[in-house]
Amino acid sequence: MPIPYEKYEAVIGLEVHAQLLTKSKLFSGDSAAFGADANTNISPIVLAYPGALPMLNKRAVEYAVKMGLACGCSIEHTNYFARKNYFYPDLPKGYQISQHTTPVCKNGFVKIRTANGERDILLNRIHLEEDAGKSLHEVDDRNTSLDYNRAGVPLIEIVSEPDMHTAEEAFAFVTELRKLVRYLGICDGNMEEGSMRCDANVSIRIKGEKELGTKVEVKNLNSIRNVKKAIEFEISRMIELVESGGKVIQQTRSFDASNDTTFSMRTKEEANDYRYFTDPDLPPFIITEELLHAIRAAMPPLPEELVRKYRDLLHLPEYDARVICDDAATIRYFELLIQTTTHAKAAANWLLGPVKSFLNDKGESMDEFTLDASSLATLIELVESGKVNFSIASSRIFPVMVEKGTADALEVATELNLLQNSDAGDIAQWVDEVLLGMPEKVAEYKKGKKGLIGLFMGEVKKLSKGKADPKIATQLLTEKLEQR
């Protein structure tokens, strides 16, 4: 008998950890940079030597507040840190400094889009905490090695409400979060390097029921694709388990990317197992209205605001606006472009067309694009004024300008002898030569095959080596064909 998967509804909440892009760690001056030799970015504070006292990193607090404001959270003014007690080899102190009763950001939402439309995923909290070290199992055949470079690196943990019901929604949620932290410049969002990690809490219930089922947590998912695959597997596993007469056990599981399955690690801890209490070495930190105002004033317009601006004020299609706003570097470049050209749609076409193709071929990102925006604007103006056509501009002039890094398009086009000829006399000669050489096609055109105008234009283009102004050439072709 087939398993009635459609009888059930999944309930999903995500906990996303994002490493903050501060230069130093959350409670010490050690470097927070990724990639250093093992155990070189450490100090007595990180290693919990007796008498070593932590001191809070102000920039980390500002980054957490910035994320909260971007998500529409309310900001907690009086904040405390707590000790979260558990033993793990890569946790030097035997506890983690985190926030428990007073998360710096409460509530809020993240807007997602799926095939079912657009909706807001509610947040429970965003709080600050320090990262643990890293256990290395491949260094020594017989022993686990420990690297404490990551210990103490500042994190924000973004905790959603159990507000998602499909793996597709979870995929969209993490995708939007990664875009947002990158846009705000507070995290690089590199899940493969561990600077962004996701834990998924998954449960099932009969559709229509209100009570939550027993949840399972899948830990340390290190790619957005794996978030989706792990949740899909867990939903199916739970339904099959319940339908066969089994019972879901609250536990912590891990994801095996080699076969897209999850496996049990341990029974799930409850909050009281961590024995939270206020850290006695750290005083409360206060977020004043002045600080809040300064952070808010320094924030750039959010991507959703820019989508509305590009769509409503610049009249870009919704698709173009959203693709541009998917990436912070593309937004920055486009903003510079529209300061130097009034042709917003053409600027979008260049960014999403030739520029994107060039970067894809090079395997580079928008951050690495070397042609400055003011130079590209001169090329856009050259095309829009009719002095060169788009094909010539993108295939001949654009590569030369990119190689130079900064150049005036008119100068490059002149050097390469690529400027369009707008002289009606010259173009008329090319048109006459083409029509005289194609009497059969001219006759077909006269009998009603008006689509042949494209063929004639192609021949004029070849004969003029792309220099004939297409508007004038089309006009002259039409006139001469009607006269014959």
Protein backbone atom coordinates (compact mmCIF):
# COMPACT_ATOMS: atom_id res chain seq x y z
CA MET A 1 0.00 0.00 0.00
CA PRO A 2 1.50 3.38 -0.99
CA ILE A 3 2.57 5.73 1.82
CA PRO A 4 0.18 8.72 2.07
CA TYR A 5 2.81 11.47 2.17
CA GLU A 6 0.20 14.09 1.26
CA LYS A 7 -1.63 13.40 4.55
CA TYR A 8 1.14 15.12 6.50
CA GLU A 9 2.45 18.64 6.87
CA ALA A 10 6.06 19.43 7.74
CA VAL A 11 6.89 22.18 10.22
CA ILE A 12 10.42 23.60 9.86
CA GLY A 13 12.43 26.10 11.84
CA LEU A 14 16.00 27.07 10.98
CA GLU A 15 18.92 28.28 13.07
CA VAL A 16 21.51 29.98 10.89
CA HIS A 17 24.93 30.90 12.28
CA ALA A 18 26.81 33.65 10.45
CA GLN A 19 30.42 34.55 11.29
CA LEU A 20 30.76 38.31 11.49
CA LEU A 21 33.41 40.05 9.39
CA THR A 22 35.19 41.74 12.29
CA LYS A 23 38.97 41.89 12.35
CA SER A 24 39.19 40.52 15.88
CA LYS A 25 37.25 37.99 17.93
CA LEU A 26 34.19 38.62 20.07
CA PHE A 27 35.96 38.89 23.43
CA SER A 28 39.66 39.22 22.58
CA GLY A 29 42.04 40.99 20.21
CA ASP A 30 43.03 37.80 18.35
CA SER A 31 42.62 37.88 14.59
CA ALA A 32 39.35 36.46 13.31
CA ALA A 33 40.78 35.89 9.80
CA PHE A 34 40.12 32.57 8.06
CA GLY A 35 42.92 30.36 6.76
CA ALA A 36 45.79 30.98 9.21
CA ASP A 37 48.04 28.11 10.35
CA ALA A 38 46.41 26.04 13.07
CA ASN A 39 46.48 27.53 16.58
CA THR A 40 48.13 30.82 15.62
CA ASN A 41 45.14 33.12 16.21
CA ILE A 42 44.82 32.30 19.91
CA SER A 43 45.48 33.91 23.28
CA PRO A 44 44.99 33.27 27.03
CA ILE A 45 41.43 34.60 26.71
CA VAL A 46 40.50 32.17 23.94
CA LEU A 47 42.17 29.26 25.75
CA ALA A 48 40.48 30.19 29.05
CA TYR A 49 43.61 30.59 31.13
CA PRO A 50 42.87 31.39 34.80
CA GLY A 51 42.40 35.12 35.35
CA ALA A 52 41.97 35.95 31.64
CA LEU A 53 39.02 38.32 31.27
CA PRO A 54 36.93 38.86 28.12
CA MET A 55 36.18 42.29 26.63
CA LEU A 56 33.31 42.79 24.18
CA ASN A 57 33.94 43.71 20.52
CA LYS A 58 31.77 46.79 19.79
CA ARG A 59 31.82 46.25 16.03
CA ALA A 60 30.25 42.81 16.44
CA VAL A 61 27.36 44.37 18.35
CA GLU A 62 26.89 46.97 15.60
CA TYR A 63 26.82 44.23 12.94
CA ALA A 64 24.20 42.26 14.89
CA VAL A 65 22.04 45.38 15.24
CA LYS A 66 22.43 46.12 11.52
CA MET A 67 21.12 42.64 10.69
CA GLY A 68 18.23 43.09 13.09
CA LEU A 69 17.22 46.41 11.55
CA ALA A 70 17.38 44.88 8.06
CA CYS A 71 14.98 42.14 9.21
CA GLY A 72 12.54 44.48 10.92
CA CYS A 73 13.43 43.26 14.43
CA SER A 74 12.96 45.16 17.65
CA ILE A 75 16.32 45.91 19.27
CA GLU A 76 16.96 45.07 22.92
CA HIS A 77 18.55 48.05 24.67
CA THR A 78 19.91 46.25 27.77
CA ASN A 79 21.73 43.04 26.94
CA TYR A 80 23.45 40.28 28.90
CA PHE A 81 25.70 37.40 27.99
CA ALA A 82 25.23 33.94 29.47
CA ARG A 83 27.38 30.87 29.83
CA LYS A 84 26.03 27.88 27.91
CA ASN A 85 27.66 24.87 29.57
CA TYR A 86 28.52 21.73 27.66
CA PHE A 87 31.64 19.67 27.13
CA TYR A 88 33.14 19.32 23.69
CA PRO A 89 36.85 18.99 22.84
CA ASP A 90 36.96 22.12 20.66
CA LEU A 91 35.30 24.29 23.34
CA PRO A 92 38.29 25.42 25.42
CA LYS A 93 36.39 26.90 28.37
CA GLY A 94 33.91 24.08 28.78
CA TYR A 95 31.15 26.60 28.06
CA GLN A 96 30.17 28.94 25.26
CA ILE A 97 29.43 32.62 25.83
CA SER A 98 26.07 33.30 24.22
CA GLN A 99 22.86 35.23 24.79
CA HIS A 100 19.89 33.50 26.37
CA THR A 101 17.18 35.63 27.98
CA THR A 102 18.05 38.88 26.19
CA PRO A 103 18.76 38.36 22.48
CA VAL A 104 19.95 41.62 20.93
CA CYS A 105 17.22 41.39 18.24
CA LYS A 106 13.70 40.04 18.68
CA ASN A 107 10.98 39.06 16.20
CA GLY A 108 11.27 40.40 12.64
CA PHE A 109 10.93 38.52 9.36
CA VAL A 110 12.66 37.53 6.13
CA LYS A 111 10.72 37.79 2.86
CA ILE A 112 11.01 34.75 0.58
CA ARG A 113 9.76 33.87 -2.89
CA THR A 114 8.94 30.36 -4.06
CA ALA A 115 6.83 28.82 -6.79
CA ASN A 116 3.85 29.35 -4.48
CA GLY A 117 4.44 33.10 -4.27
CA GLU A 118 5.86 35.57 -1.79
CA ARG A 119 5.56 35.49 2.00
CA ASP A 120 7.31 36.57 5.19
CA ILE A 121 9.06 33.95 7.35
CA LEU A 122 8.86 35.06 10.97
CA LEU A 123 11.97 35.29 13.12
CA ASN A 124 12.15 34.51 16.82
CA ARG A 125 15.46 36.21 17.56
CA ILE A 126 18.96 37.13 16.43
CA HIS A 127 21.59 36.85 19.13
CA LEU A 128 25.35 37.14 19.54
CA GLU A 129 27.64 34.32 20.58
CA GLU A 130 31.19 33.08 20.15
CA ASP A 131 32.17 30.24 17.84
CA ALA A 132 33.84 27.04 18.97
CA GLY A 133 37.14 25.67 17.68
CA LYS A 134 37.40 22.92 15.11
CA SER A 135 38.08 19.21 15.46
CA LEU A 136 40.27 17.79 12.68
CA HIS A 137 40.03 14.06 12.02
CA GLU A 138 42.23 13.76 8.94
CA VAL A 139 45.51 15.10 10.37
CA ASP A 140 46.37 12.08 12.50
CA ASP A 141 45.26 8.48 11.82
CA ARG A 142 44.86 7.66 15.51
CA ASN A 143 43.93 10.95 17.18
CA THR A 144 41.60 13.91 16.73
CA SER A 145 43.49 17.19 16.36
CA LEU A 146 42.16 20.52 17.59
CA ASP A 147 42.49 23.94 15.97
CA TYR A 148 41.37 26.80 18.20
CA ASN A 149 41.74 29.56 15.60
CA ARG A 150 37.97 29.68 15.12
CA ALA A 151 37.24 29.67 18.87
CA GLY A 152 35.90 33.05 19.92
CA VAL A 153 35.09 34.30 16.42
CA PRO A 154 31.88 36.37 16.66
CA LEU A 155 28.65 34.84 15.39
CA ILE A 156 25.10 35.91 15.06
CA GLU A 157 22.53 33.15 15.30
CA ILE A 158 19.39 33.88 13.32
CA VAL A 159 16.55 31.75 14.68
CA SER A 160 13.32 31.49 12.74
CA GLU A 161 9.95 30.54 14.15
CA PRO A 162 8.70 27.09 13.09
CA ASP A 163 7.16 28.90 10.15
CA MET A 164 8.22 26.93 7.07
CA HIS A 165 6.47 23.89 5.65
CA THR A 166 8.58 22.73 2.69
CA ALA A 167 12.23 22.19 1.88
CA GLU A 168 11.77 24.73 -0.93
CA GLU A 169 10.82 27.42 1.60
CA ALA A 170 13.85 26.59 3.76
CA PHE A 171 16.08 26.79 0.67
CA ALA A 172 14.64 30.22 -0.17
CA PHE A 173 15.02 31.41 3.44
CA VAL A 174 18.73 30.58 3.64
CA THR A 175 19.28 32.00 0.15
CA GLU A 176 17.73 35.33 1.18
CA LEU A 177 19.72 35.40 4.44
CA ARG A 178 22.98 34.85 2.59
CA LYS A 179 22.17 37.64 0.13
CA LEU A 180 21.33 39.96 3.01
CA VAL A 181 24.46 39.37 5.14
CA ARG A 182 26.63 39.81 2.05
CA TYR A 183 24.82 42.98 1.03
CA LEU A 184 25.20 44.44 4.53
CA GLY A 185 28.90 43.48 4.53
CA ILE A 186 28.66 41.68 7.87
CA CYS A 187 29.43 38.10 6.69
CA ASP A 188 30.87 36.66 3.49
CA GLY A 189 28.20 33.91 3.46
CA ASN A 190 30.74 31.27 2.43
CA MET A 191 29.09 28.08 3.66
CA GLU A 192 31.87 25.85 2.30
CA GLU A 193 34.40 27.58 4.60
CA GLY A 194 31.98 27.40 7.52
CA SER A 195 31.37 31.14 7.83
CA MET A 196 27.66 30.42 7.49
CA ARG A 197 26.10 27.22 8.87
CA CYS A 198 22.56 26.02 9.25
CA ASP A 199 20.75 23.71 11.68
CA ALA A 200 17.27 22.56 10.69
CA ASN A 201 14.52 21.63 13.15
CA VAL A 202 11.98 19.40 11.41
CA SER A 203 8.74 17.82 12.59
CA ILE A 204 5.58 16.48 10.95
CA ARG A 205 1.89 16.50 11.82
CA ILE A 206 -1.38 15.55 10.20
CA LYS A 207 -2.61 18.37 7.98
CA GLY A 208 -5.07 20.52 9.88
CA GLU A 209 -3.60 19.78 13.31
CA LYS A 210 -2.24 22.70 15.34
CA GLU A 211 0.00 20.89 17.85
CA LEU A 212 3.66 20.54 16.83
CA GLY A 213 5.09 17.07 16.42
CA THR A 214 8.33 15.77 17.93
CA LYS A 215 11.20 17.63 16.30
CA VAL A 216 14.52 16.39 15.03
CA GLU A 217 17.49 18.74 14.58
CA VAL A 218 19.83 18.22 11.64
CA LYS A 219 23.14 19.94 12.47
CA ASN A 220 25.81 21.84 10.56
CA LEU A 221 24.45 21.87 7.03
CA ASN A 222 27.17 23.52 4.99
CA SER A 223 25.43 24.39 1.72
CA ILE A 224 22.02 25.68 0.74
CA ARG A 225 21.51 22.64 -1.46
CA ASN A 226 22.24 20.34 1.49
CA VAL A 227 19.70 22.21 3.62
CA LYS A 228 17.04 21.33 1.05
CA LYS A 229 18.16 17.72 0.62
CA ALA A 230 18.44 17.04 4.37
CA ILE A 231 14.95 18.42 5.05
CA GLU A 232 13.43 16.47 2.16
CA PHE A 233 14.99 13.27 3.49
CA GLU A 234 13.87 13.94 7.09
CA ILE A 235 10.28 14.65 6.09
CA SER A 236 10.08 11.40 4.13
CA ARG A 237 11.87 9.42 6.88
CA MET A 238 9.49 10.66 9.60
CA ILE A 239 6.36 9.99 7.57
CA GLU A 240 7.53 6.49 6.68
CA LEU A 241 8.46 5.86 10.32
CA VAL A 242 5.06 6.96 11.64
CA GLU A 243 3.13 5.13 8.93
CA SER A 244 4.97 1.89 9.80
CA GLY A 245 3.91 2.21 13.44
CA GLY A 246 7.11 3.79 14.76
CA LYS A 247 7.57 6.90 16.85
CA VAL A 248 9.72 9.96 16.11
CA ILE A 249 12.38 10.44 18.80
CA GLN A 250 13.71 13.90 19.62
CA GLN A 251 17.35 13.71 18.59
CA THR A 252 20.23 15.43 16.86
CA ARG A 253 21.14 14.10 13.43
CA SER A 254 23.80 14.83 10.83
CA PHE A 255 23.63 14.87 7.04
CA ASP A 256 25.68 12.53 4.86
CA ALA A 257 26.22 14.36 1.57
CA SER A 258 27.59 11.23 -0.12
CA ASN A 259 24.15 9.61 -0.20
CA ASP A 260 21.79 12.47 0.78
CA THR A 261 20.65 10.81 4.01
CA THR A 262 20.74 11.76 7.69
CA PHE A 263 21.94 9.67 10.63
CA SER A 264 21.51 9.90 14.40
CA MET A 265 24.25 11.54 16.50
CA ARG A 266 22.69 11.82 19.98
CA THR A 267 19.43 12.46 21.80
CA LYS A 268 18.55 16.15 21.72
CA GLU A 269 19.52 18.36 24.65
CA GLU A 270 16.95 20.59 26.31
CA ALA A 271 17.72 24.18 27.34
CA ASN A 272 18.05 23.19 31.00
CA ASP A 273 20.80 20.72 30.09
CA TYR A 274 23.01 23.71 29.25
CA ARG A 275 22.62 25.27 32.75
CA TYR A 276 22.52 28.83 31.41
CA PHE A 277 23.52 31.58 33.83
CA THR A 278 24.66 35.19 33.40
CA ASP A 279 28.40 35.43 32.69
CA PRO A 280 29.97 37.06 35.76
CA ASP A 281 32.99 38.38 33.80
CA LEU A 282 30.95 40.44 31.33
CA PRO A 283 28.86 43.44 32.39
CA PRO A 284 25.59 44.21 30.56
CA PHE A 285 26.04 46.09 27.30
CA ILE A 286 23.67 48.93 26.53
CA ILE A 287 22.51 49.90 23.05
CA THR A 288 21.63 53.57 23.27
CA GLU A 289 19.22 55.44 21.02
CA GLU A 290 22.20 57.43 19.73
CA LEU A 291 24.03 54.27 18.66
CA LEU A 292 20.88 52.85 17.12
CA HIS A 293 20.32 56.05 15.15
CA ALA A 294 23.94 56.08 13.93
CA ILE A 295 23.76 52.47 12.75
CA ARG A 296 20.44 53.05 10.99
CA ALA A 297 21.74 56.22 9.30
CA ALA A 298 24.84 54.44 7.99
CA MET A 299 22.92 51.53 6.45
CA PRO A 300 22.48 51.46 2.67
CA PRO A 301 18.99 51.12 1.15
CA LEU A 302 17.88 47.51 1.48
CA PRO A 303 17.55 45.34 -1.67
CA GLU A 304 13.74 45.39 -1.50
CA GLU A 305 13.78 49.19 -1.48
CA LEU A 306 16.11 49.19 -4.48
CA VAL A 307 13.88 46.73 -6.37
CA ARG A 308 10.98 49.16 -5.94
CA LYS A 309 13.19 52.08 -6.99
CA TYR A 310 14.44 50.35 -10.16
CA ARG A 311 10.98 49.11 -11.06
CA ASP A 312 8.90 52.19 -10.26
CA LEU A 313 11.29 55.09 -10.87
CA LEU A 314 13.65 53.68 -13.51
CA HIS A 315 10.93 51.53 -15.14
CA LEU A 316 13.03 48.38 -15.26
CA PRO A 317 11.20 45.06 -15.59
CA GLU A 318 10.71 43.28 -12.25
CA TYR A 319 13.04 40.48 -13.40
CA ASP A 320 15.90 42.86 -14.22
CA ALA A 321 15.51 44.70 -10.91
CA ARG A 322 15.59 41.49 -8.87
CA VAL A 323 18.59 40.02 -10.69
CA ILE A 324 20.56 43.23 -10.13
CA CYS A 325 19.57 43.25 -6.44
CA ASP A 326 20.64 39.63 -5.95
CA ASP A 327 24.26 40.70 -5.52
CA ALA A 328 25.74 43.59 -3.52
CA ALA A 329 28.59 44.22 -5.97
CA THR A 330 26.16 44.38 -8.90
CA ILE A 331 24.00 46.86 -6.99
CA ARG A 332 27.02 49.06 -6.27
CA TYR A 333 28.12 49.02 -9.92
CA PHE A 334 24.61 49.70 -11.23
CA GLU A 335 24.19 52.61 -8.83
CA LEU A 336 27.39 54.13 -10.24
CA LEU A 337 26.20 53.52 -13.79
CA ILE A 338 22.87 55.29 -13.38
CA GLN A 339 24.68 58.29 -11.96
CA THR A 340 26.52 58.71 -15.27
CA THR A 341 23.90 57.65 -17.85
CA THR A 342 20.17 58.28 -18.16
CA HIS A 343 19.68 55.04 -20.11
CA ALA A 344 18.78 52.82 -17.15
CA LYS A 345 17.32 49.95 -19.20
CA ALA A 346 20.38 49.89 -21.48
CA ALA A 347 22.63 49.91 -18.39
CA ALA A 348 20.74 46.93 -16.99
CA ASN A 349 20.99 45.13 -20.35
CA TRP A 350 24.77 45.63 -20.41
CA LEU A 351 25.20 44.40 -16.83
CA LEU A 352 23.01 41.33 -17.29
CA GLY A 353 24.30 40.65 -20.81
CA PRO A 354 27.88 41.34 -21.95
CA VAL A 355 29.29 42.07 -18.48
CA LYS A 356 27.79 38.95 -16.91
CA SER A 357 28.88 36.78 -19.86
CA PHE A 358 32.42 38.15 -19.67
CA LEU A 359 32.66 37.44 -15.93
CA ASN A 360 31.17 33.96 -16.33
CA ASP A 361 33.74 33.13 -19.02
CA LYS A 362 36.53 34.33 -16.72
CA GLY A 363 35.09 32.60 -13.66
CA GLU A 364 35.09 35.96 -11.85
CA SER A 365 32.61 37.86 -9.73
CA MET A 366 31.31 41.41 -10.12
CA ASP A 367 33.74 42.51 -7.41
CA GLU A 368 36.58 41.61 -9.79
CA PHE A 369 35.26 43.50 -12.84
CA THR A 370 37.99 45.95 -13.85
CA LEU A 371 36.17 48.38 -16.18
CA ASP A 372 35.01 51.38 -14.19
CA ALA A 373 31.35 52.37 -14.42
CA SER A 374 32.00 55.80 -15.96
CA SER A 375 33.83 54.17 -18.89
CA LEU A 376 31.04 51.66 -19.49
CA ALA A 377 28.61 54.58 -19.43
CA THR A 378 30.46 56.15 -22.40
CA LEU A 379 29.94 52.92 -24.34
CA ILE A 380 26.24 52.87 -23.49
CA GLU A 381 25.95 56.49 -24.68
CA LEU A 382 27.79 55.63 -27.89
CA VAL A 383 25.29 52.86 -28.71
CA GLU A 384 22.21 54.82 -27.67
CA SER A 385 23.28 57.79 -29.81
CA GLY A 386 23.49 55.51 -32.84
CA LYS A 387 27.23 55.95 -33.46
CA VAL A 388 27.86 52.20 -33.19
CA ASN A 389 25.47 49.28 -33.03
CA PHE A 390 25.19 47.01 -30.00
CA SER A 391 26.78 44.02 -31.74
CA ILE A 392 29.93 45.94 -32.68
CA ALA A 393 30.05 47.62 -29.28
CA SER A 394 29.82 44.36 -27.31
CA SER A 395 32.06 42.23 -29.51
CA ARG A 396 34.76 44.71 -30.60
CA ILE A 397 34.85 47.79 -28.36
CA PHE A 398 33.89 46.32 -24.98
CA PRO A 399 36.79 43.78 -24.80
CA VAL A 400 39.34 46.51 -25.56
CA MET A 401 37.90 48.77 -22.87
CA VAL A 402 37.89 45.97 -20.28
CA GLU A 403 41.54 45.25 -21.03
CA LYS A 404 42.42 48.91 -20.46
CA GLY A 405 40.30 49.18 -17.30
CA THR A 406 39.33 52.76 -18.07
CA ALA A 407 38.79 54.27 -21.51
CA ASP A 408 36.48 56.50 -23.52
CA ALA A 409 34.33 54.45 -25.89
CA LEU A 410 34.34 57.10 -28.62
CA GLU A 411 38.15 57.17 -28.66
CA VAL A 412 38.36 53.37 -28.85
CA ALA A 413 35.74 53.20 -31.62
CA THR A 414 37.59 55.88 -33.56
CA GLU A 415 40.94 54.10 -33.18
CA LEU A 416 39.38 50.85 -34.42
CA ASN A 417 37.52 52.65 -37.27
CA LEU A 418 34.17 51.28 -36.03
CA LEU A 419 31.99 54.39 -35.94
CA GLN A 420 28.74 54.03 -37.87
CA ASN A 421 28.36 55.97 -41.10
CA SER A 422 25.27 58.17 -41.02
CA ASP A 423 25.91 59.76 -44.39
CA ALA A 424 22.78 59.11 -46.44
CA GLY A 425 24.73 59.27 -49.70
CA ASP A 426 27.17 56.51 -48.70
CA ILE A 427 24.40 54.33 -47.31
CA ALA A 428 22.29 54.81 -50.46
CA GLN A 429 25.18 53.47 -52.57
CA TRP A 430 25.41 50.33 -50.38
CA VAL A 431 21.64 49.86 -50.55
CA ASP A 432 21.62 50.21 -54.37
CA GLU A 433 24.47 47.69 -54.71
CA VAL A 434 22.65 45.14 -52.55
CA LEU A 435 19.32 45.51 -54.39
CA LEU A 436 20.96 45.31 -57.83
CA GLY A 437 22.67 42.10 -56.82
CA MET A 438 19.46 40.40 -55.62
CA PRO A 439 16.78 40.96 -58.32
CA GLU A 440 14.89 37.71 -57.53
CA LYS A 441 14.58 38.62 -53.84
CA VAL A 442 13.49 42.14 -54.76
CA ALA A 443 10.72 40.63 -56.92
CA GLU A 444 9.62 38.39 -54.03
CA TYR A 445 9.51 41.40 -51.73
CA LYS A 446 7.33 43.25 -54.23
CA LYS A 447 4.93 40.27 -54.27
CA GLY A 448 4.41 40.57 -50.53
CA LYS A 449 7.33 38.83 -48.75
CA LYS A 450 8.01 41.86 -46.57
CA GLY A 451 10.13 39.77 -44.17
CA LEU A 452 12.95 39.89 -46.71
CA ILE A 453 13.81 43.36 -45.42
CA GLY A 454 15.92 41.59 -42.78
CA LEU A 455 17.90 39.79 -45.49
CA PHE A 456 18.58 43.05 -47.32
CA MET A 457 19.65 44.74 -44.10
CA GLY A 458 22.05 41.90 -43.38
CA GLU A 459 23.67 42.33 -46.76
CA VAL A 460 23.96 46.10 -46.30
CA LYS A 461 25.61 45.43 -42.95
CA LYS A 462 28.12 43.05 -44.55
CA LEU A 463 28.89 45.40 -47.40
CA SER A 464 29.41 48.36 -45.05
CA LYS A 465 31.36 46.20 -42.57
CA GLY A 466 28.81 47.08 -39.92
CA LYS A 467 29.21 50.83 -40.35
CA ALA A 468 25.90 51.70 -42.00
CA ASP A 469 23.51 53.38 -39.58
CA PRO A 470 20.71 50.78 -39.32
CA LYS A 471 17.90 53.35 -38.97
CA ILE A 472 18.93 55.25 -42.09
CA ALA A 473 19.66 52.01 -43.98
CA THR A 474 16.23 50.57 -43.15
CA GLN A 475 14.52 53.79 -44.20
CA LEU A 476 16.39 53.92 -47.51
CA LEU A 477 15.80 50.24 -48.22
CA THR A 478 12.08 50.60 -47.65
CA GLU A 479 11.89 53.70 -49.86
CA LYS A 480 13.89 52.17 -52.73
CA LEU A 481 11.99 48.87 -52.62
CA GLU A 482 8.67 50.68 -52.82
CA GLN A 483 9.93 52.68 -55.82
CA ARG A 484 11.03 49.68 -57.85
